[in-house]
Amino acid sequence: MAKKNLDIKTKRRYALLATRWCRENMGINKRRKDLPKVSVRINFVKEETERFISGVFYAQQNKIIVYDKNCLTIEEVVSTVIHEYTHYLQSDVKYMELYKKYYYKNHPYEKEARKNEELFTHLCIRKIKDLV
């Protein structure tokens, strides 16, 4: 698939469809009452390191944010949603416990999220591209 810079409206549509795909194919978190809210935002860089962050899952708000300026293609948007949706499925309490031991790069939950990106991104895109 050709890599093409997308407008924010298209990114939002892909993010919402990818979230629906995740729910149907990866399941739901039974510890939470609701599915995560998803938004694609213009990236307001607060720190130098944030300019490399594609997205984030805020457990307390049950919200996935995809940063517009850091996700330029369909692949980047969908892969970010899958990564952050994986975090939605995980225990946020256990995440913090493991973070103290492994930090970010070697964190087992981050490894799982990256693996899910690899496994599911192109499959998800194939399923949702006709709906956009």
Protein backbone atom coordinates (compact mmCIF):
# COMPACT_ATOMS: atom_id res chain seq x y z
CA MET A 1 0.00 0.00 0.00
CA ALA A 2 1.33 3.38 -0.94
CA LYS A 3 2.32 5.59 1.95
CA LYS A 4 0.37 8.78 1.68
CA ASN A 5 0.15 11.77 3.98
CA LEU A 6 -3.46 11.95 5.20
CA ASP A 7 -5.64 14.86 6.25
CA ILE A 8 -6.82 14.90 9.87
CA LYS A 9 -10.43 14.03 8.98
CA THR A 10 -9.30 10.82 7.24
CA LYS A 11 -6.97 10.00 10.14
CA ARG A 12 -9.88 10.34 12.56
CA ARG A 13 -12.02 8.03 10.44
CA TYR A 14 -9.26 5.40 10.27
CA ALA A 15 -8.65 5.69 14.02
CA LEU A 16 -12.33 5.12 14.82
CA LEU A 17 -12.62 2.19 12.41
CA ALA A 18 -9.39 0.68 13.75
CA THR A 19 -10.78 0.93 17.28
CA ARG A 20 -13.94 -0.87 16.19
CA TRP A 21 -11.77 -3.54 14.52
CA CYS A 22 -9.75 -3.91 17.73
CA ARG A 23 -12.90 -4.37 19.80
CA GLU A 24 -14.19 -7.05 17.44
CA ASN A 25 -10.87 -8.87 17.02
CA MET A 26 -8.87 -8.23 20.21
CA GLY A 27 -11.75 -8.17 22.69
CA ILE A 28 -12.72 -5.82 25.47
CA ASN A 29 -11.34 -5.06 28.91
CA LYS A 30 -13.87 -6.48 31.35
CA ARG A 31 -12.40 -4.42 34.22
CA ARG A 32 -13.54 -1.20 32.52
CA LYS A 33 -17.14 -0.13 31.99
CA ASP A 34 -16.66 1.42 28.55
CA LEU A 35 -14.59 1.13 25.41
CA PRO A 36 -11.84 3.73 25.17
CA LYS A 37 -12.61 7.09 23.61
CA VAL A 38 -10.38 7.82 20.64
CA SER A 39 -9.27 11.17 19.30
CA VAL A 40 -6.76 12.39 16.76
CA ARG A 41 -5.20 15.62 17.95
CA ILE A 42 -2.86 18.19 16.59
CA ASN A 43 0.37 17.49 18.44
CA PHE A 44 1.32 20.23 20.86
CA VAL A 45 4.91 19.34 21.74
CA LYS A 46 5.63 20.11 25.39
CA GLU A 47 8.93 18.29 25.66
CA GLU A 48 11.56 17.31 23.13
CA THR A 49 10.84 13.59 23.66
CA GLU A 50 7.13 13.99 22.88
CA ARG A 51 7.76 14.78 19.26
CA PHE A 52 8.47 11.08 18.73
CA ILE A 53 5.32 9.79 20.45
CA SER A 54 2.68 8.55 18.03
CA GLY A 55 -0.03 8.10 20.61
CA VAL A 56 -0.89 7.47 24.22
CA PHE A 57 -3.48 5.64 26.31
CA TYR A 58 -4.68 7.50 29.40
CA ALA A 59 -5.97 4.77 31.70
CA GLN A 60 -7.74 7.08 34.17
CA GLN A 61 -9.65 8.79 31.35
CA ASN A 62 -9.98 5.59 29.30
CA LYS A 63 -8.81 7.57 26.28
CA ILE A 64 -6.56 6.90 23.31
CA ILE A 65 -4.90 9.91 21.71
CA VAL A 66 -3.30 9.68 18.26
CA TYR A 67 -1.01 12.60 17.51
CA ASP A 68 -1.76 13.97 14.05
CA LYS A 69 1.70 15.33 13.28
CA ASN A 70 3.44 12.14 14.37
CA CYS A 71 1.20 9.76 12.39
CA LEU A 72 1.30 10.73 8.75
CA THR A 73 0.12 7.54 7.02
CA ILE A 74 -2.69 5.01 7.30
CA GLU A 75 -0.18 2.47 8.63
CA GLU A 76 1.02 4.82 11.38
CA VAL A 77 -2.50 5.74 12.49
CA VAL A 78 -3.76 2.15 12.57
CA SER A 79 -0.62 0.79 14.16
CA THR A 80 -0.81 3.46 16.89
CA VAL A 81 -4.44 2.61 17.64
CA ILE A 82 -3.59 -1.09 17.89
CA HIS A 83 -0.64 -0.34 20.18
CA GLU A 84 -2.68 1.88 22.49
CA TYR A 85 -5.71 -0.44 22.40
CA THR A 86 -3.41 -3.19 23.66
CA HIS A 87 -2.65 -0.95 26.65
CA TYR A 88 -6.40 -0.48 27.18
CA LEU A 89 -6.65 -4.28 27.53
CA GLN A 90 -3.79 -4.44 30.05
CA SER A 91 -3.83 -3.70 33.76
CA ASP A 92 -2.65 -0.13 34.40
CA VAL A 93 -1.67 -1.04 37.98
CA LYS A 94 0.51 -3.91 36.80
CA TYR A 95 1.94 -1.68 34.05
CA MET A 96 3.32 0.69 36.67
CA GLU A 97 4.69 -2.15 38.80
CA LEU A 98 6.52 -3.61 35.79
CA TYR A 99 7.71 -0.17 34.68
CA LYS A 100 9.75 0.17 37.88
CA LYS A 101 11.62 -2.99 36.95
CA TYR A 102 11.83 -2.82 33.13
CA TYR A 103 11.32 0.84 32.21
CA TYR A 104 9.88 1.48 28.74
CA LYS A 105 11.97 -0.31 26.12
CA ASN A 106 12.05 -3.71 27.82
CA HIS A 107 8.64 -3.49 29.46
CA PRO A 108 6.65 -6.71 28.79
CA TYR A 109 3.44 -4.74 28.09
CA GLU A 110 5.25 -2.52 25.58
CA LYS A 111 6.70 -5.60 23.90
CA GLU A 112 3.19 -7.05 23.66
CA ALA A 113 1.84 -3.79 22.20
CA ARG A 114 4.63 -3.65 19.59
CA LYS A 115 4.03 -7.31 18.70
CA ASN A 116 0.31 -6.63 18.21
CA GLU A 117 1.19 -3.74 15.89
CA GLU A 118 3.26 -6.14 13.78
CA LEU A 119 0.62 -8.85 13.77
CA PHE A 120 -2.51 -6.80 13.20
CA THR A 121 -1.81 -3.51 11.39
CA HIS A 122 -2.03 -4.73 7.79
CA LEU A 123 -4.84 -7.15 8.58
CA CYS A 124 -6.83 -4.32 10.14
CA ILE A 125 -6.15 -1.99 7.21
CA ARG A 126 -7.34 -4.60 4.73
CA LYS A 127 -10.60 -4.97 6.66
CA ILE A 128 -11.37 -1.28 7.11
CA LYS A 129 -10.01 0.44 3.98
CA ASP A 130 -13.26 0.01 2.05
CA LEU A 131 -15.22 1.67 4.87
CA VAL A 132 -13.31 4.97 4.73
